[in-house]
Amino acid sequence: MALPSTAIFQKEGKPAVWIVKDDGTVELRAVVVERYDSERAYVADGVRTGERVVTAGVHRLATGDKVKLL
């Protein structure tokens, strides 16, 4: 799955993404990044089809924060 590179958050030196749950809150989930290019991160594992991933402001979030979808 290709995601904007801005979606990748580093936790303890390992890649993760913020997943938006049904109630609008976020949870951090570790991912496996297969490769990066100048604009995208290609995630091999950790995100399922249909899940919403935060792509901007990832360094300002904490578990349980509520986000608005644009």
PDB file of N, CA and C in Angstrom:
ATOM      1  N   MET A   1       0.848  -1.164   0.000  1.00  0.00           N
ATOM      2  CA  MET A   1       0.000   0.000   0.000  1.00  0.00           C
ATOM      3  C   MET A   1       0.895   1.229   0.000  1.00  0.00           C
ATOM      4  N   ALA A   2       0.641   2.141  -0.903  1.00  0.00           N
ATOM      5  CA  ALA A   2       1.417   3.378  -0.983  1.00  0.00           C
ATOM      6  C   ALA A   2       0.724   4.457  -0.166  1.00  0.00           C
ATOM      7  N   LEU A   3       1.471   5.066   0.736  1.00  0.00           N
ATOM      8  CA  LEU A   3       0.975   6.178   1.546  1.00  0.00           C
ATOM      9  C   LEU A   3       1.884   7.371   1.356  1.00  0.00           C
ATOM     10  N   PRO A   4       1.350   8.583   1.527  1.00  0.00           N
ATOM     11  CA  PRO A   4       2.249   9.739   1.509  1.00  0.00           C
ATOM     12  C   PRO A   4       3.298   9.565   2.604  1.00  0.00           C
ATOM     13  N   SER A   5       4.513   9.965   2.326  1.00  0.00           N
ATOM     14  CA  SER A   5       5.571   9.810   3.325  1.00  0.00           C
ATOM     15  C   SER A   5       5.259  10.589   4.594  1.00  0.00           C
ATOM     16  N   THR A   6       4.405  11.602   4.505  1.00  0.00           N
ATOM     17  CA  THR A   6       4.007  12.384   5.681  1.00  0.00           C
ATOM     18  C   THR A   6       3.173  11.577   6.661  1.00  0.00           C
ATOM     19  N   ALA A   7       2.663  10.432   6.256  1.00  0.00           N
ATOM     20  CA  ALA A   7       1.844   9.591   7.136  1.00  0.00           C
ATOM     21  C   ALA A   7       2.682   8.776   8.105  1.00  0.00           C
ATOM     22  N   ILE A   8       3.972   8.637   7.826  1.00  0.00           N
ATOM     23  CA  ILE A   8       4.824   7.787   8.658  1.00  0.00           C
ATOM     24  C   ILE A   8       5.315   8.547   9.877  1.00  0.00           C
ATOM     25  N   PHE A   9       5.071   7.959  11.035  1.00  0.00           N
ATOM     26  CA  PHE A   9       5.497   8.490  12.334  1.00  0.00           C
ATOM     27  C   PHE A   9       6.550   7.528  12.868  1.00  0.00           C
ATOM     28  N   GLN A  10       7.602   8.052  13.423  1.00  0.00           N
ATOM     29  CA  GLN A  10       8.653   7.200  13.994  1.00  0.00           C
ATOM     30  C   GLN A  10       8.455   7.100  15.504  1.00  0.00           C
ATOM     31  N   LYS A  11       8.275   5.889  15.997  1.00  0.00           N
ATOM     32  CA  LYS A  11       8.182   5.656  17.435  1.00  0.00           C
ATOM     33  C   LYS A  11       9.330   4.737  17.820  1.00  0.00           C
ATOM     34  N   GLU A  12      10.207   5.258  18.663  1.00  0.00           N
ATOM     35  CA  GLU A  12      11.380   4.506  19.093  1.00  0.00           C
ATOM     36  C   GLU A  12      12.182   4.005  17.888  1.00  0.00           C
ATOM     37  N   GLY A  13      12.252   4.847  16.857  1.00  0.00           N
ATOM     38  CA  GLY A  13      13.028   4.519  15.676  1.00  0.00           C
ATOM     39  C   GLY A  13      12.383   3.555  14.713  1.00  0.00           C
ATOM     40  N   LYS A  14      11.131   3.203  14.958  1.00  0.00           N
ATOM     41  CA  LYS A  14      10.428   2.253  14.088  1.00  0.00           C
ATOM     42  C   LYS A  14       9.214   2.940  13.460  1.00  0.00           C
ATOM     43  N   PRO A  15       8.886   2.597  12.204  1.00  0.00           N
ATOM     44  CA  PRO A  15       7.769   3.250  11.524  1.00  0.00           C
ATOM     45  C   PRO A  15       6.409   2.814  12.071  1.00  0.00           C
ATOM     46  N   ALA A  16       5.503   3.793  12.110  1.00  0.00           N
ATOM     47  CA  ALA A  16       4.137   3.551  12.568  1.00  0.00           C
ATOM     48  C   ALA A  16       3.220   4.544  11.856  1.00  0.00           C
ATOM     49  N   VAL A  17       1.934   4.276  11.885  1.00  0.00           N
ATOM     50  CA  VAL A  17       0.939   5.204  11.342  1.00  0.00           C
ATOM     51  C   VAL A  17      -0.192   5.366  12.354  1.00  0.00           C
ATOM     52  N   TRP A  18      -0.866   6.494  12.244  1.00  0.00           N
ATOM     53  CA  TRP A  18      -2.051   6.739  13.059  1.00  0.00           C
ATOM     54  C   TRP A  18      -3.267   6.257  12.282  1.00  0.00           C
ATOM     55  N   ILE A  19      -3.991   5.311  12.855  1.00  0.00           N
ATOM     56  CA  ILE A  19      -5.210   4.767  12.261  1.00  0.00           C
ATOM     57  C   ILE A  19      -6.404   5.485  12.885  1.00  0.00           C
ATOM     58  N   VAL A  20      -7.347   5.921  12.045  1.00  0.00           N
ATOM     59  CA  VAL A  20      -8.566   6.569  12.530  1.00  0.00           C
ATOM     60  C   VAL A  20      -9.615   5.492  12.771  1.00  0.00           C
ATOM     61  N   LYS A  21     -10.056   5.379  14.022  1.00  0.00           N
ATOM     62  CA  LYS A  21     -11.079   4.382  14.366  1.00  0.00           C
ATOM     63  C   LYS A  21     -12.469   4.924  14.030  1.00  0.00           C
ATOM     64  N   ASP A  22     -13.479   4.075  14.118  1.00  0.00           N
ATOM     65  CA  ASP A  22     -14.849   4.441  13.764  1.00  0.00           C
ATOM     66  C   ASP A  22     -15.386   5.619  14.564  1.00  0.00           C
ATOM     67  N   ASP A  23     -14.909   5.794  15.794  1.00  0.00           N
ATOM     68  CA  ASP A  23     -15.403   6.897  16.624  1.00  0.00           C
ATOM     69  C   ASP A  23     -14.626   8.201  16.401  1.00  0.00           C
ATOM     70  N   GLY A  24     -13.697   8.206  15.430  1.00  0.00           N
ATOM     71  CA  GLY A  24     -12.946   9.409  15.107  1.00  0.00           C
ATOM     72  C   GLY A  24     -11.679   9.602  15.918  1.00  0.00           C
ATOM     73  N   THR A  25     -11.400   8.677  16.836  1.00  0.00           N
ATOM     74  CA  THR A  25     -10.159   8.762  17.597  1.00  0.00           C
ATOM     75  C   THR A  25      -9.062   8.011  16.862  1.00  0.00           C
ATOM     76  N   VAL A  26      -7.827   8.270  17.273  1.00  0.00           N
ATOM     77  CA  VAL A  26      -6.698   7.640  16.599  1.00  0.00           C
ATOM     78  C   VAL A  26      -5.959   6.683  17.512  1.00  0.00           C
ATOM     79  N   GLU A  27      -5.346   5.683  16.878  1.00  0.00           N
ATOM     80  CA  GLU A  27      -4.462   4.765  17.592  1.00  0.00           C
ATOM     81  C   GLU A  27      -3.220   4.572  16.746  1.00  0.00           C
ATOM     82  N   LEU A  28      -2.079   4.467  17.405  1.00  0.00           N
ATOM     83  CA  LEU A  28      -0.819   4.290  16.703  1.00  0.00           C
ATOM     84  C   LEU A  28      -0.590   2.804  16.447  1.00  0.00           C
ATOM     85  N   ARG A  29      -0.183   2.493  15.221  1.00  0.00           N
ATOM     86  CA  ARG A  29       0.058   1.098  14.871  1.00  0.00           C
ATOM     87  C   ARG A  29       1.393   0.976  14.135  1.00  0.00           C
ATOM     88  N   ALA A  30       2.190   0.019  14.561  1.00  0.00           N
ATOM     89  CA  ALA A  30       3.463  -0.264  13.893  1.00  0.00           C
ATOM     90  C   ALA A  30       3.193  -0.799  12.496  1.00  0.00           C
ATOM     91  N   VAL A  31       4.045  -0.421  11.556  1.00  0.00           N
ATOM     92  CA  VAL A  31       3.939  -0.906  10.180  1.00  0.00           C
ATOM     93  C   VAL A  31       5.309  -1.367   9.698  1.00  0.00           C
ATOM     94  N   VAL A  32       5.272  -2.161   8.637  1.00  0.00           N
ATOM     95  CA  VAL A  32       6.498  -2.577   7.965  1.00  0.00           C
ATOM     96  C   VAL A  32       6.543  -1.817   6.644  1.00  0.00           C
ATOM     97  N   VAL A  33       7.569  -0.987   6.484  1.00  0.00           N
ATOM     98  CA  VAL A  33       7.730  -0.239   5.247  1.00  0.00           C
ATOM     99  C   VAL A  33       8.694  -1.002   4.353  1.00  0.00           C
ATOM    100  N   GLU A  34       8.207  -1.356   3.189  1.00  0.00           N
ATOM    101  CA  GLU A  34       9.019  -2.094   2.216  1.00  0.00           C
ATOM    102  C   GLU A  34      10.077  -1.191   1.590  1.00  0.00           C
ATOM    103  N   ARG A  35       9.638   0.038   1.228  1.00  0.00           N
ATOM    104  CA  ARG A  35      10.579   0.990   0.647  1.00  0.00           C
ATOM    105  C   ARG A  35       9.977   2.391   0.672  1.00  0.00           C
ATOM    106  N   TYR A  36      10.847   3.352   0.501  1.00  0.00           N
ATOM    107  CA  TYR A  36      10.456   4.761   0.409  1.00  0.00           C
ATOM    108  C   TYR A  36      10.908   5.296  -0.941  1.00  0.00           C
ATOM    109  N   ASP A  37      10.173   6.283  -1.458  1.00  0.00           N
ATOM    110  CA  ASP A  37      10.704   7.094  -2.546  1.00  0.00           C
ATOM    111  C   ASP A  37      10.552   8.545  -2.097  1.00  0.00           C
ATOM    112  N   SER A  38      10.710   9.490  -2.975  1.00  0.00           N
ATOM    113  CA  SER A  38      10.715  10.894  -2.566  1.00  0.00           C
ATOM    114  C   SER A  38       9.374  11.382  -2.014  1.00  0.00           C
ATOM    115  N   GLU A  39       8.278  10.723  -2.351  1.00  0.00           N
ATOM    116  CA  GLU A  39       6.961  11.183  -1.923  1.00  0.00           C
ATOM    117  C   GLU A  39       6.130  10.153  -1.168  1.00  0.00           C
ATOM    118  N   ARG A  40       6.492   8.889  -1.262  1.00  0.00           N
ATOM    119  CA  ARG A  40       5.645   7.837  -0.704  1.00  0.00           C
ATOM    120  C   ARG A  40       6.430   6.835   0.130  1.00  0.00           C
ATOM    121  N   ALA A  41       5.668   6.206   1.024  1.00  0.00           N
ATOM    122  CA  ALA A  41       6.176   5.050   1.769  1.00  0.00           C
ATOM    123  C   ALA A  41       5.322   3.868   1.328  1.00  0.00           C
ATOM    124  N   TYR A  42       5.961   2.780   0.975  1.00  0.00           N
ATOM    125  CA  TYR A  42       5.242   1.588   0.525  1.00  0.00           C
ATOM    126  C   TYR A  42       5.178   0.608   1.689  1.00  0.00           C
ATOM    127  N   VAL A  43       3.976   0.505   2.263  1.00  0.00           N
ATOM    128  CA  VAL A  43       3.762  -0.286   3.474  1.00  0.00           C
ATOM    129  C   VAL A  43       3.421  -1.715   3.087  1.00  0.00           C
ATOM    130  N   ALA A  44       4.222  -2.650   3.601  1.00  0.00           N
ATOM    131  CA  ALA A  44       4.023  -4.067   3.292  1.00  0.00           C
ATOM    132  C   ALA A  44       3.113  -4.752   4.300  1.00  0.00           C
ATOM    133  N   ASP A  45       3.033  -4.222   5.521  1.00  0.00           N
ATOM    134  CA  ASP A  45       2.222  -4.867   6.552  1.00  0.00           C
ATOM    135  C   ASP A  45       1.865  -3.850   7.630  1.00  0.00           C
ATOM    136  N   GLY A  46       0.664  -4.002   8.195  1.00  0.00           N
ATOM    137  CA  GLY A  46       0.251  -3.172   9.311  1.00  0.00           C
ATOM    138  C   GLY A  46      -0.987  -2.338   9.062  1.00  0.00           C
ATOM    139  N   VAL A  47      -1.359  -2.166   7.783  1.00  0.00           N
ATOM    140  CA  VAL A  47      -2.569  -1.416   7.435  1.00  0.00           C
ATOM    141  C   VAL A  47      -3.441  -2.312   6.573  1.00  0.00           C
ATOM    142  N   ARG A  48      -4.717  -2.380   6.938  1.00  0.00           N
ATOM    143  CA  ARG A  48      -5.653  -3.201   6.175  1.00  0.00           C
ATOM    144  C   ARG A  48      -6.436  -2.337   5.175  1.00  0.00           C
ATOM    145  N   THR A  49      -6.839  -2.927   4.092  1.00  0.00           N
ATOM    146  CA  THR A  49      -7.654  -2.249   3.088  1.00  0.00           C
ATOM    147  C   THR A  49      -8.891  -1.653   3.750  1.00  0.00           C
ATOM    148  N   GLY A  50      -9.167  -0.405   3.436  1.00  0.00           N
ATOM    149  CA  GLY A  50     -10.346   0.279   3.967  1.00  0.00           C
ATOM    150  C   GLY A  50     -10.089   1.079   5.230  1.00  0.00           C
ATOM    151  N   GLU A  51      -8.958   0.886   5.870  1.00  0.00           N
ATOM    152  CA  GLU A  51      -8.657   1.662   7.071  1.00  0.00           C
ATOM    153  C   GLU A  51      -8.237   3.069   6.679  1.00  0.00           C
ATOM    154  N   ARG A  52      -8.572   4.016   7.543  1.00  0.00           N
ATOM    155  CA  ARG A  52      -8.196   5.409   7.316  1.00  0.00           C
ATOM    156  C   ARG A  52      -6.912   5.700   8.073  1.00  0.00           C
ATOM    157  N   VAL A  53      -5.993   6.352   7.385  1.00  0.00           N
ATOM    158  CA  VAL A  53      -4.691   6.674   7.944  1.00  0.00           C
ATOM    159  C   VAL A  53      -4.518   8.189   7.940  1.00  0.00           C
ATOM    160  N   VAL A  54      -4.040   8.745   9.046  1.00  0.00           N
ATOM    161  CA  VAL A  54      -3.754  10.175   9.119  1.00  0.00           C
ATOM    162  C   VAL A  54      -2.529  10.464   8.262  1.00  0.00           C
ATOM    163  N   THR A  55      -2.612  11.497   7.421  1.00  0.00           N
ATOM    164  CA  THR A  55      -1.507  11.807   6.520  1.00  0.00           C
ATOM    165  C   THR A  55      -0.870  13.159   6.793  1.00  0.00           C
ATOM    166  N   ALA A  56      -1.424  13.951   7.703  1.00  0.00           N
ATOM    167  CA  ALA A  56      -0.848  15.266   8.016  1.00  0.00           C
ATOM    168  C   ALA A  56      -0.945  15.507   9.520  1.00  0.00           C
ATOM    169  N   GLY A  57       0.063  16.153  10.059  1.00  0.00           N
ATOM    170  CA  GLY A  57       0.056  16.480  11.483  1.00  0.00           C
ATOM    171  C   GLY A  57       0.320  15.310  12.403  1.00  0.00           C
ATOM    172  N   VAL A  58       0.972  14.279  11.897  1.00  0.00           N
ATOM    173  CA  VAL A  58       1.135  13.050  12.678  1.00  0.00           C
ATOM    174  C   VAL A  58       1.974  13.236  13.936  1.00  0.00           C
ATOM    175  N   HIS A  59       2.833  14.259  13.967  1.00  0.00           N
ATOM    176  CA  HIS A  59       3.694  14.476  15.143  1.00  0.00           C
ATOM    177  C   HIS A  59       2.983  15.234  16.262  1.00  0.00           C
ATOM    178  N   ARG A  60       1.758  15.653  16.000  1.00  0.00           N
ATOM    179  CA  ARG A  60       0.985  16.405  16.993  1.00  0.00           C
ATOM    180  C   ARG A  60      -0.063  15.542  17.686  1.00  0.00           C
ATOM    181  N   LEU A  61      -0.161  14.288  17.333  1.00  0.00           N
ATOM    182  CA  LEU A  61      -1.226  13.425  17.851  1.00  0.00           C
ATOM    183  C   LEU A  61      -0.775  12.584  19.038  1.00  0.00           C
ATOM    184  N   ALA A  62      -1.766  12.155  19.802  1.00  0.00           N
ATOM    185  CA  ALA A  62      -1.567  11.207  20.899  1.00  0.00           C
ATOM    186  C   ALA A  62      -2.712  10.202  20.824  1.00  0.00           C
ATOM    187  N   THR A  63      -2.485   9.024  21.335  1.00  0.00           N
ATOM    188  CA  THR A  63      -3.516   7.991  21.328  1.00  0.00           C
ATOM    189  C   THR A  63      -4.799   8.521  21.963  1.00  0.00           C
ATOM    190  N   GLY A  64      -5.907   8.311  21.277  1.00  0.00           N
ATOM    191  CA  GLY A  64      -7.213   8.739  21.773  1.00  0.00           C
ATOM    192  C   GLY A  64      -7.634  10.121  21.290  1.00  0.00           C
ATOM    193  N   ASP A  65      -6.728  10.885  20.674  1.00  0.00           N
ATOM    194  CA  ASP A  65      -7.111  12.183  20.135  1.00  0.00           C
ATOM    195  C   ASP A  65      -8.180  11.983  19.078  1.00  0.00           C
ATOM    196  N   LYS A  66      -9.072  12.968  18.975  1.00  0.00           N
ATOM    197  CA  LYS A  66     -10.128  12.920  17.978  1.00  0.00           C
ATOM    198  C   LYS A  66      -9.708  13.778  16.792  1.00  0.00           C
ATOM    199  N   VAL A  67      -9.951  13.271  15.587  1.00  0.00           N
ATOM    200  CA  VAL A  67      -9.596  13.991  14.371  1.00  0.00           C
ATOM    201  C   VAL A  67     -10.826  14.192  13.509  1.00  0.00           C
ATOM    202  N   LYS A  68     -10.751  15.206  12.643  1.00  0.00           N
ATOM    203  CA  LYS A  68     -11.811  15.459  11.673  1.00  0.00           C
ATOM    204  C   LYS A  68     -11.325  15.005  10.311  1.00  0.00           C
ATOM    205  N   LEU A  69     -12.202  14.411   9.563  1.00  0.00           N
ATOM    206  CA  LEU A  69     -11.874  13.991   8.201  1.00  0.00           C
ATOM    207  C   LEU A  69     -12.159  15.148   7.262  1.00  0.00           C
ATOM    208  N   LEU A  70     -11.271  15.353   6.317  1.00  0.00           N
ATOM    209  CA  LEU A  70     -11.473  16.438   5.340  1.00  0.00           C
ATOM    210  C   LEU A  70     -12.113  15.906   4.098  1.00  0.00           C
TER     211      LEU A  70
END
